[in-house]
Amino acid sequence: MVDLEKMRTIAKETVSRDDVRYLIGWRQGTYGFRVSPHFMKGPEEAEKLIFSPLCSNNLATYLTLTEKLPVPRGEQPDSRKIAVMVKGCDSRAVVQQLIEKGIERERVFVIGCPCEGVLDLKKVEEKFPGILSPVEVEWSGDKIIFTLPDGVKEVPKGEVLAKKCLSCRYPNPVMSDITLWDEVKSLGDGNYEDVKEMEEKNPQEKWSFWKDKFSSCIRCYSCRNVCPMCYCEDCVLDRLNPQWINRSANISENSAFQLARAFHLAGRCIECGECERVCPVDIPLMALNRKLAKEVREQYEFEPGLDPESKPFQSSYRPNDKEDFIL
């Protein structure tokens, strides 16, 4: 069970440490069902922290965004730790960043928040339209409790949870320096039923499906910018010399962009679903990512973001890997 007082007490203690620079958590948004990242620099800010089914944001993204080197001339790098609150999927992102040397273990303090699933805002706002004032939401067994302006409403979890949470096998942080409350039960069984549905289509049906989806892409780059694993300073999809992908938003360039991203995430995607959540045109990007995750898991017995001592998938080698394709 979520204990907000315990969370805020630990947050106060954490930011009061000499070796911690600030803490990244969640706070109530300015309207409706919105929640915002909260950069807490002093103990007096702890009362703003929340943890609820609305806390979708994967805060691990900020670990590679806020501490870019080099620092301004005349200044020295701040070597203090960044504290970050993580759900299960978020913690996998932290682990994968560590594996890839995107961050250093001694520079981060991880606070684990076992998670019972976050909400799909599109489902919620369709069920409760026109809500502008901030809303409180909490877990209660197999239901979600909404405290709305016109009273308290109970909704079955399955009606409003994000799709990613229904297949999640790691709702508890896989790595943390401190875990805030008891572990919760996983909702996923790892059978990839959503992927198998797409696999059963013939090639023409698959192309028709993705052509329709990719045609709607406006190349806003939200999927890339929100992804905790897309932290390269020099993104190949932005390069002009050589220019691998044109800026044009058409089916050819959109397909190249989306497929390049998907394959760059093979063996790296931790299935947090942030790309799909922020897509303004509702492209089911996780259908691509989970297909590759399924192949990596089944063909190579590898899952990213679980073991900080492991090697990156695409740089690992085992003598007993299948090599039937080699003539």
C-alpha atoms as a PDB file:
ATOM      1  CA  MET A   1       0.000   0.000   0.000  1.00  0.00           C
ATOM      2  CA  VAL A   2       1.242   3.472  -0.915  1.00  0.00           C
ATOM      3  CA  ASP A   3       2.403   5.423   2.147  1.00  0.00           C
ATOM      4  CA  LEU A   4       2.731   9.059   1.110  1.00  0.00           C
ATOM      5  CA  GLU A   5       3.959  10.201   4.502  1.00  0.00           C
ATOM      6  CA  LYS A   6       6.770   7.645   4.471  1.00  0.00           C
ATOM      7  CA  MET A   7       7.657   8.659   0.916  1.00  0.00           C
ATOM      8  CA  ARG A   8       7.822  12.353   1.824  1.00  0.00           C
ATOM      9  CA  THR A   9       9.838  11.660   4.973  1.00  0.00           C
ATOM     10  CA  ILE A  10      12.414   9.663   3.022  1.00  0.00           C
ATOM     11  CA  ALA A  11      12.458  12.362   0.334  1.00  0.00           C
ATOM     12  CA  LYS A  12      13.241  14.996   2.987  1.00  0.00           C
ATOM     13  CA  GLU A  13      16.026  12.855   4.407  1.00  0.00           C
ATOM     14  CA  THR A  14      17.418  12.205   0.931  1.00  0.00           C
ATOM     15  CA  VAL A  15      17.653  15.812  -0.258  1.00  0.00           C
ATOM     16  CA  SER A  16      19.095  16.826   3.110  1.00  0.00           C
ATOM     17  CA  ARG A  17      22.130  14.603   2.501  1.00  0.00           C
ATOM     18  CA  ASP A  18      25.350  16.362   1.583  1.00  0.00           C
ATOM     19  CA  ASP A  19      25.989  13.964  -1.279  1.00  0.00           C
ATOM     20  CA  VAL A  20      22.582  14.467  -2.992  1.00  0.00           C
ATOM     21  CA  ARG A  21      21.986  17.371  -5.351  1.00  0.00           C
ATOM     22  CA  TYR A  22      18.228  17.010  -5.879  1.00  0.00           C
ATOM     23  CA  LEU A  23      15.447  14.434  -6.132  1.00  0.00           C
ATOM     24  CA  ILE A  24      13.228  13.765  -9.134  1.00  0.00           C
ATOM     25  CA  GLY A  25       9.700  12.638  -8.295  1.00  0.00           C
ATOM     26  CA  TRP A  26       6.107  13.345  -9.282  1.00  0.00           C
ATOM     27  CA  ARG A  27       3.748  16.177  -8.325  1.00  0.00           C
ATOM     28  CA  GLN A  28       0.119  17.054  -9.051  1.00  0.00           C
ATOM     29  CA  GLY A  29      -0.351  18.763 -12.397  1.00  0.00           C
ATOM     30  CA  THR A  30      -2.132  22.053 -12.964  1.00  0.00           C
ATOM     31  CA  TYR A  31      -5.405  20.583 -14.173  1.00  0.00           C
ATOM     32  CA  GLY A  32      -7.489  17.445 -14.478  1.00  0.00           C
ATOM     33  CA  PHE A  33      -5.658  14.131 -14.422  1.00  0.00           C
ATOM     34  CA  ARG A  34      -2.264  15.603 -15.225  1.00  0.00           C
ATOM     35  CA  VAL A  35       0.880  14.856 -13.208  1.00  0.00           C
ATOM     36  CA  SER A  36       4.246  16.560 -13.660  1.00  0.00           C
ATOM     37  CA  PRO A  37       7.863  15.647 -12.861  1.00  0.00           C
ATOM     38  CA  HIS A  38       8.988  17.371  -9.673  1.00  0.00           C
ATOM     39  CA  PHE A  39      12.610  18.433  -9.173  1.00  0.00           C
ATOM     40  CA  MET A  40      12.925  18.686  -5.402  1.00  0.00           C
ATOM     41  CA  LYS A  41      15.941  20.647  -4.151  1.00  0.00           C
ATOM     42  CA  GLY A  42      14.964  21.222  -0.533  1.00  0.00           C
ATOM     43  CA  PRO A  43      13.073  19.311   2.187  1.00  0.00           C
ATOM     44  CA  GLU A  44      10.322  21.943   2.238  1.00  0.00           C
ATOM     45  CA  GLU A  45       9.240  20.767  -1.228  1.00  0.00           C
ATOM     46  CA  ALA A  46       8.461  17.216  -0.064  1.00  0.00           C
ATOM     47  CA  GLU A  47       4.770  17.947   0.552  1.00  0.00           C
ATOM     48  CA  LYS A  48       4.299  18.371  -3.206  1.00  0.00           C
ATOM     49  CA  LEU A  49       5.376  14.794  -3.913  1.00  0.00           C
ATOM     50  CA  ILE A  50       2.720  12.255  -4.867  1.00  0.00           C
ATOM     51  CA  PHE A  51       2.572   8.688  -6.115  1.00  0.00           C
ATOM     52  CA  SER A  52      -0.645   7.515  -7.717  1.00  0.00           C
ATOM     53  CA  PRO A  53      -2.011   5.714 -10.788  1.00  0.00           C
ATOM     54  CA  LEU A  54      -1.508   9.015 -12.641  1.00  0.00           C
ATOM     55  CA  CYS A  55       2.308   8.862 -12.345  1.00  0.00           C
ATOM     56  CA  SER A  56       3.019   7.591 -15.846  1.00  0.00           C
ATOM     57  CA  ASN A  57       6.175   9.609 -16.552  1.00  0.00           C
ATOM     58  CA  ASN A  58       9.365   7.556 -16.668  1.00  0.00           C
ATOM     59  CA  LEU A  59      11.666   9.825 -14.668  1.00  0.00           C
ATOM     60  CA  ALA A  60      14.783   7.869 -15.675  1.00  0.00           C
ATOM     61  CA  THR A  61      14.737   9.931 -18.885  1.00  0.00           C
ATOM     62  CA  TYR A  62      15.945  12.966 -16.957  1.00  0.00           C
ATOM     63  CA  LEU A  63      19.088  11.256 -15.697  1.00  0.00           C
ATOM     64  CA  THR A  64      20.676  11.596 -19.135  1.00  0.00           C
ATOM     65  CA  LEU A  65      19.105  14.966 -19.961  1.00  0.00           C
ATOM     66  CA  THR A  66      19.802  17.239 -16.995  1.00  0.00           C
ATOM     67  CA  GLU A  67      23.485  16.585 -16.384  1.00  0.00           C
ATOM     68  CA  LYS A  68      25.088  17.204 -19.761  1.00  0.00           C
ATOM     69  CA  LEU A  69      28.812  17.955 -19.856  1.00  0.00           C
ATOM     70  CA  PRO A  70      30.826  20.081 -20.347  1.00  0.00           C
ATOM     71  CA  VAL A  71      29.815  22.630 -17.721  1.00  0.00           C
ATOM     72  CA  PRO A  72      30.069  26.390 -18.373  1.00  0.00           C
ATOM     73  CA  ARG A  73      33.579  27.846 -18.398  1.00  0.00           C
ATOM     74  CA  GLY A  74      34.893  28.517 -14.915  1.00  0.00           C
ATOM     75  CA  GLU A  75      32.544  26.038 -13.236  1.00  0.00           C
ATOM     76  CA  GLN A  76      33.315  22.569 -11.910  1.00  0.00           C
ATOM     77  CA  PRO A  77      31.042  19.541 -12.449  1.00  0.00           C
ATOM     78  CA  ASP A  78      28.723  18.853  -9.519  1.00  0.00           C
ATOM     79  CA  SER A  79      29.596  15.301  -8.504  1.00  0.00           C
ATOM     80  CA  ARG A  80      26.737  14.868  -6.049  1.00  0.00           C
ATOM     81  CA  LYS A  81      24.120  12.167  -6.617  1.00  0.00           C
ATOM     82  CA  ILE A  82      20.793  12.642  -8.368  1.00  0.00           C
ATOM     83  CA  ALA A  83      17.986  10.886  -6.476  1.00  0.00           C
ATOM     84  CA  VAL A  84      15.212   9.494  -8.654  1.00  0.00           C
ATOM     85  CA  MET A  85      11.936   7.771  -7.855  1.00  0.00           C
ATOM     86  CA  VAL A  86      11.214   4.772 -10.075  1.00  0.00           C
ATOM     87  CA  LYS A  87       8.443   2.328 -10.838  1.00  0.00           C
ATOM     88  CA  GLY A  88       9.371  -1.161 -12.020  1.00  0.00           C
ATOM     89  CA  CYS A  89       9.743  -0.265 -15.700  1.00  0.00           C
ATOM     90  CA  ASP A  90      11.563   2.955 -14.808  1.00  0.00           C
ATOM     91  CA  SER A  91      14.094   0.992 -12.754  1.00  0.00           C
ATOM     92  CA  ARG A  92      14.838  -1.194 -15.765  1.00  0.00           C
ATOM     93  CA  ALA A  93      15.683   1.980 -17.689  1.00  0.00           C
ATOM     94  CA  VAL A  94      18.123   3.009 -14.940  1.00  0.00           C
ATOM     95  CA  VAL A  95      19.749  -0.438 -15.054  1.00  0.00           C
ATOM     96  CA  GLN A  96      20.040  -0.326 -18.837  1.00  0.00           C
ATOM     97  CA  GLN A  97      21.572   3.155 -18.714  1.00  0.00           C
ATOM     98  CA  LEU A  98      24.118   1.811 -16.239  1.00  0.00           C
ATOM     99  CA  ILE A  99      24.881  -1.166 -18.496  1.00  0.00           C
ATOM    100  CA  GLU A 100      25.502   1.173 -21.425  1.00  0.00           C
ATOM    101  CA  LYS A 101      27.573   3.612 -19.327  1.00  0.00           C
ATOM    102  CA  GLY A 102      25.034   6.336 -19.980  1.00  0.00           C
ATOM    103  CA  ILE A 103      25.104   7.107 -16.242  1.00  0.00           C
ATOM    104  CA  GLU A 104      27.405   6.135 -13.375  1.00  0.00           C
ATOM    105  CA  ARG A 105      26.156   4.141 -10.385  1.00  0.00           C
ATOM    106  CA  GLU A 106      27.838   6.422  -7.857  1.00  0.00           C
ATOM    107  CA  ARG A 107      26.013   9.415  -9.329  1.00  0.00           C
ATOM    108  CA  VAL A 108      22.467   8.162  -8.783  1.00  0.00           C
ATOM    109  CA  PHE A 109      20.341   7.270  -5.738  1.00  0.00           C
ATOM    110  CA  VAL A 110      17.353   5.100  -6.653  1.00  0.00           C
ATOM    111  CA  ILE A 111      14.122   5.168  -4.644  1.00  0.00           C
ATOM    112  CA  GLY A 112      11.865   2.255  -5.596  1.00  0.00           C
ATOM    113  CA  CYS A 113       8.080   2.577  -5.805  1.00  0.00           C
ATOM    114  CA  PRO A 114       6.280  -0.757  -6.364  1.00  0.00           C
ATOM    115  CA  CYS A 115       3.505   0.063  -8.831  1.00  0.00           C
ATOM    116  CA  GLU A 116       0.039  -1.459  -9.299  1.00  0.00           C
ATOM    117  CA  GLY A 117      -0.338   0.035 -12.771  1.00  0.00           C
ATOM    118  CA  VAL A 118      -0.757   3.522 -14.221  1.00  0.00           C
ATOM    119  CA  LEU A 119      -3.731   4.925 -16.086  1.00  0.00           C
ATOM    120  CA  ASP A 120      -4.322   5.462 -19.778  1.00  0.00           C
ATOM    121  CA  LEU A 121      -5.372   9.120 -19.790  1.00  0.00           C
ATOM    122  CA  LYS A 122      -7.279   8.731 -23.035  1.00  0.00           C
ATOM    123  CA  LYS A 123      -9.497   6.081 -21.424  1.00  0.00           C
ATOM    124  CA  VAL A 124      -9.897   8.141 -18.261  1.00  0.00           C
ATOM    125  CA  GLU A 125     -10.739  11.404 -19.996  1.00  0.00           C
ATOM    126  CA  GLU A 126     -13.242   9.608 -22.211  1.00  0.00           C
ATOM    127  CA  LYS A 127     -14.926   8.192 -19.108  1.00  0.00           C
ATOM    128  CA  PHE A 128     -14.774  11.494 -17.194  1.00  0.00           C
ATOM    129  CA  PRO A 129     -14.764  14.299 -19.794  1.00  0.00           C
ATOM    130  CA  GLY A 130     -14.376  17.987 -19.076  1.00  0.00           C
ATOM    131  CA  ILE A 131     -12.593  17.668 -15.706  1.00  0.00           C
ATOM    132  CA  LEU A 132     -10.364  20.744 -15.299  1.00  0.00           C
ATOM    133  CA  SER A 133      -9.676  20.919 -11.575  1.00  0.00           C
ATOM    134  CA  PRO A 134      -6.871  18.652 -10.221  1.00  0.00           C
ATOM    135  CA  VAL A 135      -8.110  15.151  -9.359  1.00  0.00           C
ATOM    136  CA  GLU A 136      -6.878  12.667  -6.760  1.00  0.00           C
ATOM    137  CA  VAL A 137      -6.656   9.014  -7.788  1.00  0.00           C
ATOM    138  CA  GLU A 138      -5.606   5.938  -5.801  1.00  0.00           C
ATOM    139  CA  TRP A 139      -5.390   2.166  -6.035  1.00  0.00           C
ATOM    140  CA  SER A 140      -7.832   0.023  -4.075  1.00  0.00           C
ATOM    141  CA  GLY A 141      -7.523  -3.695  -4.748  1.00  0.00           C
ATOM    142  CA  ASP A 142      -8.888  -4.408  -8.211  1.00  0.00           C
ATOM    143  CA  LYS A 143     -10.394  -0.923  -8.499  1.00  0.00           C
ATOM    144  CA  ILE A 144      -9.214   2.637  -9.071  1.00  0.00           C
ATOM    145  CA  ILE A 145     -10.734   5.314  -6.834  1.00  0.00           C
ATOM    146  CA  PHE A 146     -11.316   8.767  -8.403  1.00  0.00           C
ATOM    147  CA  THR A 147     -12.052  11.739  -6.164  1.00  0.00           C
ATOM    148  CA  LEU A 148     -13.885  13.981  -8.641  1.00  0.00           C
ATOM    149  CA  PRO A 149     -15.580  17.375  -8.184  1.00  0.00           C
ATOM    150  CA  ASP A 150     -18.972  15.619  -8.161  1.00  0.00           C
ATOM    151  CA  GLY A 151     -17.971  12.851  -5.771  1.00  0.00           C
ATOM    152  CA  VAL A 152     -16.004   9.614  -5.447  1.00  0.00           C
ATOM    153  CA  LYS A 153     -16.131   7.096  -8.289  1.00  0.00           C
ATOM    154  CA  GLU A 154     -14.859   3.504  -8.356  1.00  0.00           C
ATOM    155  CA  VAL A 155     -13.735   1.986 -11.668  1.00  0.00           C
ATOM    156  CA  PRO A 156     -12.424  -1.549 -12.305  1.00  0.00           C
ATOM    157  CA  LYS A 157      -8.692  -1.493 -13.047  1.00  0.00           C
ATOM    158  CA  GLY A 158      -9.042  -3.244 -16.367  1.00  0.00           C
ATOM    159  CA  GLU A 159     -11.173  -0.418 -17.764  1.00  0.00           C
ATOM    160  CA  VAL A 160      -8.631   2.363 -17.268  1.00  0.00           C
ATOM    161  CA  LEU A 161      -5.141   0.895 -16.857  1.00  0.00           C
ATOM    162  CA  ALA A 162      -2.588   1.502 -19.607  1.00  0.00           C
ATOM    163  CA  LYS A 163      -2.175  -1.461 -21.946  1.00  0.00           C
ATOM    164  CA  LYS A 164       1.503  -1.758 -21.041  1.00  0.00           C
ATOM    165  CA  CYS A 165       0.593  -2.401 -17.398  1.00  0.00           C
ATOM    166  CA  LEU A 166      -1.668  -5.315 -18.277  1.00  0.00           C
ATOM    167  CA  SER A 167       1.345  -7.125 -19.758  1.00  0.00           C
ATOM    168  CA  CYS A 168       3.952  -5.857 -17.253  1.00  0.00           C
ATOM    169  CA  ARG A 169       6.003  -8.563 -15.522  1.00  0.00           C
ATOM    170  CA  TYR A 170       8.173  -6.191 -13.494  1.00  0.00           C
ATOM    171  CA  PRO A 171       5.917  -3.869 -11.454  1.00  0.00           C
ATOM    172  CA  ASN A 172       8.481  -3.879  -8.634  1.00  0.00           C
ATOM    173  CA  PRO A 173      11.812  -2.067  -8.997  1.00  0.00           C
ATOM    174  CA  VAL A 174      14.533  -4.466 -10.138  1.00  0.00           C
ATOM    175  CA  MET A 175      17.147  -2.231  -8.498  1.00  0.00           C
ATOM    176  CA  SER A 176      16.884   0.400  -5.780  1.00  0.00           C
ATOM    177  CA  ASP A 177      18.820   1.848  -2.875  1.00  0.00           C
ATOM    178  CA  ILE A 178      15.627   1.956  -0.863  1.00  0.00           C
ATOM    179  CA  THR A 179      12.151   0.549  -1.570  1.00  0.00           C
ATOM    180  CA  LEU A 180       9.236   2.478  -0.122  1.00  0.00           C
ATOM    181  CA  TRP A 181       6.661  -0.279   0.490  1.00  0.00           C
ATOM    182  CA  ASP A 182       5.848  -3.934  -0.045  1.00  0.00           C
ATOM    183  CA  GLU A 183       6.094  -5.565  -3.431  1.00  0.00           C
ATOM    184  CA  VAL A 184       2.969  -5.871  -5.557  1.00  0.00           C
ATOM    185  CA  LYS A 185       1.681  -8.646  -7.801  1.00  0.00           C
ATOM    186  CA  SER A 186       2.494  -8.654 -11.498  1.00  0.00           C
ATOM    187  CA  LEU A 187      -0.406  -8.359 -13.945  1.00  0.00           C
ATOM    188  CA  GLY A 188       1.477  -9.787 -16.936  1.00  0.00           C
ATOM    189  CA  ASP A 189       2.329 -13.386 -17.773  1.00  0.00           C
ATOM    190  CA  GLY A 190       4.862 -12.810 -20.550  1.00  0.00           C
ATOM    191  CA  ASN A 191       2.939 -14.618 -23.277  1.00  0.00           C
ATOM    192  CA  TYR A 192       3.052 -11.707 -25.763  1.00  0.00           C
ATOM    193  CA  GLU A 193      -0.525 -12.327 -26.915  1.00  0.00           C
ATOM    194  CA  ASP A 194      -0.684  -8.808 -28.394  1.00  0.00           C
ATOM    195  CA  VAL A 195       2.373  -9.555 -30.529  1.00  0.00           C
ATOM    196  CA  LYS A 196       1.057 -12.936 -31.674  1.00  0.00           C
ATOM    197  CA  GLU A 197      -2.087 -11.275 -32.973  1.00  0.00           C
ATOM    198  CA  MET A 198       0.013  -9.173 -35.349  1.00  0.00           C
ATOM    199  CA  GLU A 199       2.248 -12.116 -36.256  1.00  0.00           C
ATOM    200  CA  GLU A 200      -0.757 -14.041 -37.526  1.00  0.00           C
ATOM    201  CA  LYS A 201      -1.464 -11.459 -40.228  1.00  0.00           C
ATOM    202  CA  ASN A 202      -0.100 -12.076 -43.711  1.00  0.00           C
ATOM    203  CA  PRO A 203       2.524  -9.678 -45.167  1.00  0.00           C
ATOM    204  CA  GLN A 204      -0.065  -7.662 -47.104  1.00  0.00           C
ATOM    205  CA  GLU A 205      -2.204  -7.189 -43.998  1.00  0.00           C
ATOM    206  CA  LYS A 206       0.812  -6.152 -41.939  1.00  0.00           C
ATOM    207  CA  TRP A 207       1.939  -3.597 -44.519  1.00  0.00           C
ATOM    208  CA  SER A 208      -1.572  -2.212 -44.876  1.00  0.00           C
ATOM    209  CA  PHE A 209      -1.769  -1.802 -41.099  1.00  0.00           C
ATOM    210  CA  TRP A 210       1.602  -0.084 -40.685  1.00  0.00           C
ATOM    211  CA  LYS A 211       1.227   2.013 -43.827  1.00  0.00           C
ATOM    212  CA  ASP A 212      -1.931   3.469 -42.354  1.00  0.00           C
ATOM    213  CA  LYS A 213      -0.256   4.113 -38.988  1.00  0.00           C
ATOM    214  CA  PHE A 214       3.027   5.503 -40.324  1.00  0.00           C
ATOM    215  CA  SER A 215       1.201   7.770 -42.783  1.00  0.00           C
ATOM    216  CA  SER A 216      -0.249   9.671 -39.845  1.00  0.00           C
ATOM    217  CA  CYS A 217       3.181  10.323 -38.254  1.00  0.00           C
ATOM    218  CA  ILE A 218       3.961  14.048 -38.147  1.00  0.00           C
ATOM    219  CA  ARG A 219       7.635  13.488 -37.203  1.00  0.00           C
ATOM    220  CA  CYS A 220       7.323  15.501 -33.997  1.00  0.00           C
ATOM    221  CA  TYR A 221      10.045  13.323 -32.393  1.00  0.00           C
ATOM    222  CA  SER A 222       8.076  13.054 -29.151  1.00  0.00           C
ATOM    223  CA  CYS A 223       8.608   9.280 -29.103  1.00  0.00           C
ATOM    224  CA  ARG A 224      12.364   9.677 -29.342  1.00  0.00           C
ATOM    225  CA  ASN A 225      12.604  12.602 -26.939  1.00  0.00           C
ATOM    226  CA  VAL A 226      10.644  10.868 -24.162  1.00  0.00           C
ATOM    227  CA  CYS A 227      12.463   7.546 -24.486  1.00  0.00           C
ATOM    228  CA  PRO A 228      14.894   6.874 -21.597  1.00  0.00           C
ATOM    229  CA  MET A 229      17.070   4.852 -23.978  1.00  0.00           C
ATOM    230  CA  CYS A 230      17.331   7.543 -26.685  1.00  0.00           C
ATOM    231  CA  TYR A 231      20.024   9.677 -25.102  1.00  0.00           C
ATOM    232  CA  CYS A 232      22.663   9.888 -27.856  1.00  0.00           C
ATOM    233  CA  GLU A 233      23.930  13.448 -28.247  1.00  0.00           C
ATOM    234  CA  ASP A 234      24.404  12.809 -31.962  1.00  0.00           C
ATOM    235  CA  CYS A 235      21.283  10.980 -33.166  1.00  0.00           C
ATOM    236  CA  VAL A 236      21.692   9.295 -36.525  1.00  0.00           C
ATOM    237  CA  LEU A 237      18.109  10.288 -37.344  1.00  0.00           C
ATOM    238  CA  ASP A 238      19.094  13.971 -37.129  1.00  0.00           C
ATOM    239  CA  ARG A 239      22.274  13.854 -39.171  1.00  0.00           C
ATOM    240  CA  LEU A 240      22.517  15.999 -42.272  1.00  0.00           C
ATOM    241  CA  ASN A 241      25.930  14.767 -43.416  1.00  0.00           C
ATOM    242  CA  PRO A 242      25.435  12.010 -44.249  1.00  0.00           C
ATOM    243  CA  GLN A 243      21.658  12.376 -44.233  1.00  0.00           C
ATOM    244  CA  TRP A 244      20.152   8.966 -43.598  1.00  0.00           C
ATOM    245  CA  ILE A 245      16.547  10.120 -43.338  1.00  0.00           C
ATOM    246  CA  ASN A 246      14.981  13.167 -44.965  1.00  0.00           C
ATOM    247  CA  ARG A 247      12.879  15.636 -43.009  1.00  0.00           C
ATOM    248  CA  SER A 248       9.830  15.019 -45.193  1.00  0.00           C
ATOM    249  CA  ALA A 249       6.800  13.610 -43.397  1.00  0.00           C
ATOM    250  CA  ASN A 250       5.717  10.969 -45.915  1.00  0.00           C
ATOM    251  CA  ILE A 251       5.207   7.216 -45.789  1.00  0.00           C
ATOM    252  CA  SER A 252       8.721   6.420 -47.027  1.00  0.00           C
ATOM    253  CA  GLU A 253      10.623   8.644 -44.599  1.00  0.00           C
ATOM    254  CA  ASN A 254       8.230   7.983 -41.727  1.00  0.00           C
ATOM    255  CA  SER A 255       8.662   4.230 -42.143  1.00  0.00           C
ATOM    256  CA  ALA A 256      12.444   4.580 -42.214  1.00  0.00           C
ATOM    257  CA  PHE A 257      12.366   6.735 -39.082  1.00  0.00           C
ATOM    258  CA  GLN A 258      10.106   4.449 -37.057  1.00  0.00           C
ATOM    259  CA  LEU A 259      11.799   1.214 -38.126  1.00  0.00           C
ATOM    260  CA  ALA A 260      15.268   2.638 -37.445  1.00  0.00           C
ATOM    261  CA  ARG A 261      14.170   3.631 -33.937  1.00  0.00           C
ATOM    262  CA  ALA A 262      12.639   0.215 -33.291  1.00  0.00           C
ATOM    263  CA  PHE A 263      15.783  -1.656 -34.333  1.00  0.00           C
ATOM    264  CA  HIS A 264      18.011   0.701 -32.335  1.00  0.00           C
ATOM    265  CA  LEU A 265      15.952  -0.329 -29.312  1.00  0.00           C
ATOM    266  CA  ALA A 266      16.243  -4.068 -29.938  1.00  0.00           C
ATOM    267  CA  GLY A 267      17.603  -5.593 -26.746  1.00  0.00           C
ATOM    268  CA  ARG A 268      17.364  -2.167 -25.078  1.00  0.00           C
ATOM    269  CA  CYS A 269      13.668  -1.288 -24.843  1.00  0.00           C
ATOM    270  CA  ILE A 270      12.417  -1.741 -21.276  1.00  0.00           C
ATOM    271  CA  GLU A 271       8.760  -1.592 -22.373  1.00  0.00           C
ATOM    272  CA  CYS A 272       7.770   1.482 -20.358  1.00  0.00           C
ATOM    273  CA  GLY A 273       5.419   2.552 -23.174  1.00  0.00           C
ATOM    274  CA  GLU A 274       6.318   6.235 -22.933  1.00  0.00           C
ATOM    275  CA  CYS A 275       6.713   6.520 -26.715  1.00  0.00           C
ATOM    276  CA  GLU A 276       3.165   5.342 -27.300  1.00  0.00           C
ATOM    277  CA  ARG A 277       1.781   7.461 -24.454  1.00  0.00           C
ATOM    278  CA  VAL A 278       3.075  10.754 -25.850  1.00  0.00           C
ATOM    279  CA  CYS A 279       2.366  10.075 -29.548  1.00  0.00           C
ATOM    280  CA  PRO A 280      -0.127  12.762 -30.642  1.00  0.00           C
ATOM    281  CA  VAL A 281      -1.492  10.607 -33.485  1.00  0.00           C
ATOM    282  CA  ASP A 282      -1.821   7.337 -31.532  1.00  0.00           C
ATOM    283  CA  ILE A 283       0.652   5.152 -33.421  1.00  0.00           C
ATOM    284  CA  PRO A 284       0.875   1.783 -31.583  1.00  0.00           C
ATOM    285  CA  LEU A 285       4.646   1.931 -31.282  1.00  0.00           C
ATOM    286  CA  MET A 286       4.798  -0.736 -28.591  1.00  0.00           C
ATOM    287  CA  ALA A 287       3.550  -3.284 -31.113  1.00  0.00           C
ATOM    288  CA  LEU A 288       6.909  -2.847 -32.857  1.00  0.00           C
ATOM    289  CA  ASN A 289       8.991  -2.673 -29.700  1.00  0.00           C
ATOM    290  CA  ARG A 290       7.377  -5.699 -28.083  1.00  0.00           C
ATOM    291  CA  LYS A 291       7.787  -7.744 -31.251  1.00  0.00           C
ATOM    292  CA  LEU A 292      11.543  -7.150 -31.119  1.00  0.00           C
ATOM    293  CA  ALA A 293      11.588  -7.710 -27.342  1.00  0.00           C
ATOM    294  CA  LYS A 294       9.854 -11.052 -27.918  1.00  0.00           C
ATOM    295  CA  GLU A 295      12.407 -12.098 -30.548  1.00  0.00           C
ATOM    296  CA  VAL A 296      15.368 -11.098 -28.386  1.00  0.00           C
ATOM    297  CA  ARG A 297      13.937 -12.944 -25.397  1.00  0.00           C
ATOM    298  CA  GLU A 298      13.046 -16.118 -27.305  1.00  0.00           C
ATOM    299  CA  GLN A 299      16.041 -16.310 -29.642  1.00  0.00           C
ATOM    300  CA  TYR A 300      18.777 -15.119 -27.283  1.00  0.00           C
ATOM    301  CA  GLU A 301      17.274 -15.575 -23.801  1.00  0.00           C
ATOM    302  CA  PHE A 302      18.004 -11.937 -23.075  1.00  0.00           C
ATOM    303  CA  GLU A 303      15.918  -9.247 -21.365  1.00  0.00           C
ATOM    304  CA  PRO A 304      17.282  -5.711 -20.993  1.00  0.00           C
ATOM    305  CA  GLY A 305      17.393  -3.708 -17.795  1.00  0.00           C
ATOM    306  CA  LEU A 306      17.507  -6.551 -15.294  1.00  0.00           C
ATOM    307  CA  ASP A 307      21.172  -7.107 -14.425  1.00  0.00           C
ATOM    308  CA  PRO A 308      23.493  -4.073 -14.050  1.00  0.00           C
ATOM    309  CA  GLU A 309      26.486  -6.413 -14.392  1.00  0.00           C
ATOM    310  CA  SER A 310      25.424  -7.728 -17.807  1.00  0.00           C
ATOM    311  CA  LYS A 311      26.750  -6.537 -21.154  1.00  0.00           C
ATOM    312  CA  PRO A 312      24.698  -4.633 -23.722  1.00  0.00           C
ATOM    313  CA  PHE A 313      22.806  -7.103 -25.890  1.00  0.00           C
ATOM    314  CA  GLN A 314      24.305  -6.004 -29.193  1.00  0.00           C
ATOM    315  CA  SER A 315      27.864  -6.176 -27.877  1.00  0.00           C
ATOM    316  CA  SER A 316      27.578  -9.596 -26.222  1.00  0.00           C
ATOM    317  CA  TYR A 317      28.614 -12.928 -27.671  1.00  0.00           C
ATOM    318  CA  ARG A 318      28.147 -16.524 -26.581  1.00  0.00           C
ATOM    319  CA  PRO A 319      29.846 -19.455 -28.332  1.00  0.00           C
ATOM    320  CA  ASN A 320      26.609 -21.443 -28.259  1.00  0.00           C
ATOM    321  CA  ASP A 321      24.536 -18.770 -30.059  1.00  0.00           C
ATOM    322  CA  LYS A 322      22.797 -20.167 -33.113  1.00  0.00           C
ATOM    323  CA  GLU A 323      24.754 -19.508 -36.309  1.00  0.00           C
ATOM    324  CA  ASP A 324      22.693 -21.363 -38.892  1.00  0.00           C
ATOM    325  CA  PHE A 325      22.710 -18.308 -41.153  1.00  0.00           C
ATOM    326  CA  ILE A 326      26.482 -18.507 -41.673  1.00  0.00           C
ATOM    327  CA  LEU A 327      27.349 -20.394 -44.860  1.00  0.00           C
END
